[in-house]
Amino acid sequence: MKIPSPCIDVCKYKYKNHCIGCSMTKIQKKTFKKLSTLNQKKNFLNFIINQQTFLGRFKHWEKVYEKKCIKERLNFKKPFI
């Protein structure tokens, strides 16, 4: 199973240095690219989902990310455990 990046291609860092699309910081985006195992990516994705909940304002992300997963023919299940 492949896990795509949580990035949804908005990339505007207007909310406390977090992207208004996915909630990640620039460092977090770079970190995800360096992860090599499925388990690391799942844990990171769950961290981002929790971060979105904590920060708020990212309710649109889940629908856009789900479409991204469907486009790549991947299962979208929350949580990603």
C-alpha atoms as a PDB file:
ATOM      1  CA  MET A   1       0.000   0.000   0.000  1.00  0.00           C
ATOM      2  CA  LYS A   2       1.296   3.406  -0.945  1.00  0.00           C
ATOM      3  CA  ILE A   3       0.559   6.513   1.117  1.00  0.00           C
ATOM      4  CA  PRO A   4       0.563   9.790  -0.791  1.00  0.00           C
ATOM      5  CA  SER A   5       1.788  12.982   0.769  1.00  0.00           C
ATOM      6  CA  PRO A   6      -0.770  14.830   2.915  1.00  0.00           C
ATOM      7  CA  CYS A   7      -0.045  17.878   0.728  1.00  0.00           C
ATOM      8  CA  ILE A   8      -3.058  18.869  -1.394  1.00  0.00           C
ATOM      9  CA  ASP A   9      -1.140  21.386  -3.537  1.00  0.00           C
ATOM     10  CA  VAL A  10      -2.331  24.610  -1.914  1.00  0.00           C
ATOM     11  CA  CYS A  11       1.049  25.524  -0.354  1.00  0.00           C
ATOM     12  CA  LYS A  12       0.231  28.866   1.249  1.00  0.00           C
ATOM     13  CA  TYR A  13       1.797  29.299   4.670  1.00  0.00           C
ATOM     14  CA  LYS A  14      -0.546  31.902   6.096  1.00  0.00           C
ATOM     15  CA  TYR A  15      -1.660  30.226   9.317  1.00  0.00           C
ATOM     16  CA  LYS A  16       1.095  30.319  11.950  1.00  0.00           C
ATOM     17  CA  ASN A  17       3.670  29.041   9.396  1.00  0.00           C
ATOM     18  CA  HIS A  18       1.364  26.138   8.539  1.00  0.00           C
ATOM     19  CA  CYS A  19      -0.075  25.570   5.086  1.00  0.00           C
ATOM     20  CA  ILE A  20      -3.728  26.579   4.854  1.00  0.00           C
ATOM     21  CA  GLY A  21      -4.390  23.451   2.745  1.00  0.00           C
ATOM     22  CA  CYS A  22      -2.861  20.583   4.700  1.00  0.00           C
ATOM     23  CA  SER A  23      -1.619  22.157   7.977  1.00  0.00           C
ATOM     24  CA  MET A  24       1.996  21.097   7.391  1.00  0.00           C
ATOM     25  CA  THR A  25       4.980  23.370   7.786  1.00  0.00           C
ATOM     26  CA  LYS A  26       7.696  23.453   5.132  1.00  0.00           C
ATOM     27  CA  ILE A  27       9.879  21.282   7.373  1.00  0.00           C
ATOM     28  CA  GLN A  28       7.095  18.716   7.788  1.00  0.00           C
ATOM     29  CA  LYS A  29       6.622  18.546   4.010  1.00  0.00           C
ATOM     30  CA  LYS A  30      10.337  17.870   3.546  1.00  0.00           C
ATOM     31  CA  THR A  31      10.240  15.290   6.344  1.00  0.00           C
ATOM     32  CA  PHE A  32       7.427  13.300   4.725  1.00  0.00           C
ATOM     33  CA  LYS A  33       9.435  13.020   1.507  1.00  0.00           C
ATOM     34  CA  LYS A  34      12.310  11.441   3.448  1.00  0.00           C
ATOM     35  CA  LEU A  35      10.208   8.749   5.134  1.00  0.00           C
ATOM     36  CA  SER A  36      10.884   5.331   3.670  1.00  0.00           C
ATOM     37  CA  THR A  37       8.644   2.790   5.399  1.00  0.00           C
ATOM     38  CA  LEU A  38       4.908   2.392   5.238  1.00  0.00           C
ATOM     39  CA  ASN A  39       4.677   2.479   9.036  1.00  0.00           C
ATOM     40  CA  GLN A  40       6.582   5.784   9.210  1.00  0.00           C
ATOM     41  CA  LYS A  41       4.251   7.320   6.637  1.00  0.00           C
ATOM     42  CA  LYS A  42       1.128   6.055   8.433  1.00  0.00           C
ATOM     43  CA  ASN A  43       2.355   7.474  11.737  1.00  0.00           C
ATOM     44  CA  PHE A  44       3.221  10.791  10.127  1.00  0.00           C
ATOM     45  CA  LEU A  45      -0.186  10.994   8.441  1.00  0.00           C
ATOM     46  CA  ASN A  46      -1.937  10.317  11.752  1.00  0.00           C
ATOM     47  CA  PHE A  47       0.210  13.041  13.316  1.00  0.00           C
ATOM     48  CA  ILE A  48      -0.896  15.493  10.602  1.00  0.00           C
ATOM     49  CA  ILE A  49      -4.564  14.583  11.134  1.00  0.00           C
ATOM     50  CA  ASN A  50      -4.156  15.216  14.874  1.00  0.00           C
ATOM     51  CA  GLN A  51      -2.342  18.466  14.131  1.00  0.00           C
ATOM     52  CA  GLN A  52      -5.228  19.585  11.918  1.00  0.00           C
ATOM     53  CA  THR A  53      -7.675  18.857  14.704  1.00  0.00           C
ATOM     54  CA  PHE A  54      -5.576  20.849  17.164  1.00  0.00           C
ATOM     55  CA  LEU A  55      -5.110  23.800  14.802  1.00  0.00           C
ATOM     56  CA  GLY A  56      -8.657  23.706  13.406  1.00  0.00           C
ATOM     57  CA  ARG A  57      -9.671  25.234  10.048  1.00  0.00           C
ATOM     58  CA  PHE A  58      -8.671  22.232   7.909  1.00  0.00           C
ATOM     59  CA  LYS A  59     -12.031  20.491   7.469  1.00  0.00           C
ATOM     60  CA  HIS A  60     -11.729  20.619   3.662  1.00  0.00           C
ATOM     61  CA  TRP A  61      -8.485  18.622   3.676  1.00  0.00           C
ATOM     62  CA  GLU A  62     -10.034  15.198   4.235  1.00  0.00           C
ATOM     63  CA  LYS A  63     -12.290  15.393   1.153  1.00  0.00           C
ATOM     64  CA  VAL A  64      -9.487  16.662  -1.090  1.00  0.00           C
ATOM     65  CA  TYR A  65      -7.032  14.052   0.225  1.00  0.00           C
ATOM     66  CA  GLU A  66      -9.613  11.300  -0.275  1.00  0.00           C
ATOM     67  CA  LYS A  67      -9.996  12.365  -3.933  1.00  0.00           C
ATOM     68  CA  LYS A  68      -6.202  12.307  -4.281  1.00  0.00           C
ATOM     69  CA  CYS A  69      -6.115   8.738  -2.957  1.00  0.00           C
ATOM     70  CA  ILE A  70      -8.947   7.639  -5.254  1.00  0.00           C
ATOM     71  CA  LYS A  71      -7.179   9.200  -8.244  1.00  0.00           C
ATOM     72  CA  GLU A  72      -4.073   7.170  -7.377  1.00  0.00           C
ATOM     73  CA  ARG A  73      -6.288   4.094  -6.871  1.00  0.00           C
ATOM     74  CA  LEU A  74      -5.533   3.799  -3.186  1.00  0.00           C
ATOM     75  CA  ASN A  75      -7.804   3.020  -0.276  1.00  0.00           C
ATOM     76  CA  PHE A  76      -8.613   5.983   1.927  1.00  0.00           C
ATOM     77  CA  LYS A  77      -9.309   4.953   5.492  1.00  0.00           C
ATOM     78  CA  LYS A  78      -9.201   7.161   8.529  1.00  0.00           C
ATOM     79  CA  PRO A  79      -7.384   6.689  10.834  1.00  0.00           C
ATOM     80  CA  PHE A  80      -4.414   5.360   8.942  1.00  0.00           C
ATOM     81  CA  ILE A  81      -3.370   2.753  11.481  1.00  0.00           C
END
